[in-house]
Amino acid sequence: MTQIVPVILCGGSGTRLWPRSRKAMPKPFLPLMGETTLFAATVLRCSPNAGFADPVVVAGSAHVLLVESQLPDAQRGSIIVEPEGRNTAAAIALAAVRLPAEAIMLVCPSDHHIGDWAAFQAAAHEAAALAADDWLVSFGIAPTSPETGFGYLKRGEAIAGSSGYRVERFVEKPDLDRARAFLADGGYSWNGGIFAFRAGAFLAELTQHRPDIAEAVRAAVAAGHEEGDRFYPDAAIFATIRGDSVDYAVMEKTNRAAMVPVSMDWSDIGNWQALHDALPRDDLGNAVRGPAELKNCRNVMVESDGPRVSVVGVENLIIVVDGNEVMITTPGGAQLVGKLQGAVNQ
C-alpha cells in the first residue's frame, strides 16, 4: 500500500457562513456537522491505519493556534505557516518543496464534509497509484444535482490498468441549463479541489507553466526557518508571488491531468443552504441545532448558540443566531451572505 502524505489547506475569511463563521474562527474550525470540526474530521479521515503519513497543514499565522489545538494527535503533523494568502498553487508548492520528490501528496481542503470515509480512502489510494506514474489526479465527485457553484471535469478516455480516466477538459462554473445538461450527460463530475500527485511531478509542472511561482516558493523555503513543528517561509520573498489557483496554474495546462471518479457523500459546505442540505433533517425538511421550536414549518434551518428561536408557519428559511448577531435568509439568498456588511467588516 502506497503511503500518502495528506496536505491539508486551511484558511478562509469567514464570510460565507457568517455570523457563525468569523475571520478569527472560520469554517474549518467549527463543528458544523456533529461534534467534530471540519478540520479535525479531515485529519481523522487520513489515518495511519488507512495508509496515510503524518499530515502537513498549510495555514496562515492567524490560524496556527487553532490548528495545533484541533489536531487529533499533537504528535502527528507539521504546520507550514503561510506569511500571507497567495492562493492554492503557492500553498501546495510550499508543501511540495518541503517533501521528498517521490512523496505522494493528497491535497485536501480542510472545510469539506465527506460522509463516506471508506469511499474517500479507496479513491485516495486509486489516485495515489496514478500519481506514482506522474499523473496529476483530481477527485471527480459524482454530481447529485445541477450545481452552478462548482467547476466540472469532463471524463476522457480510460487509463489502462487503473480505475482512472484522462480529464478531457476542465469546465468553469456553468449556468443552470448547462449544469442540467452535464448531469444528464453522465460524463461530467464535480471538481471538488482534492488532488493527488507526486511532489516532484507537481513542481516540474508548476516550473513549466508558472516558473515565477515555483522559483519564489523555492527561494522562500530556502530562506525560511523551523520552530518546533512549525516551518516559516521567508515572508518578504513569499509576498512577491502573484497568486493563482492550482487549477489555473497547473491542472488546466498539464497534459497529464487525470481523474478518479468517487461517490462519497461530499459537500463543500459553501453556504448556509449547502449546510442545510448536508445536515440530517426531519420529515418536513427542517434542521435544528440549538434551542428552537418550529410549528407548521417546512424546509427551515435554525442554528442558535443560545437564544431560543420560535418559528411558525414558514417555509424555505434559514435562521442563524450567533452572539449578538442574527442572520435570516432564503435558500436563494444564501450565496449573498458573504456580501453583508457584518460579514465584510469583521
Foldseek 3Di string as FASTA:
>chain_A
DAEAEEEEEDADQQQLAPPVGHNLRHQLLDPLAPDAGLQCVVQVLQDVVLRYAFYEYEEAPSCPVSVCVRNPDNVGYFYEHAPDDQAALLSLLLVLLVDPQQHKYKYHYSRKDFAASVLVSVQSVLQSVLQNVLFKEFAFEQDDALDQPFKKFFFDDADPPGQKGAGPAIGHRDPSVVSVVQNVVRRMGTGPPIIIHRSNSSLVQLCVQPVLSSVLSNQQQVPWDDDVRYIYGNNVSSVVDNGDYCCVRGQRPDRRYMYHYTHGLMFSPSWPVSSLVSYDAPPQSEAEDEAEAEECEHNEYEAEPYDYYYYYNYYQKYWYYDDPDIDIDGPVCSSCSSVDPVNVVD
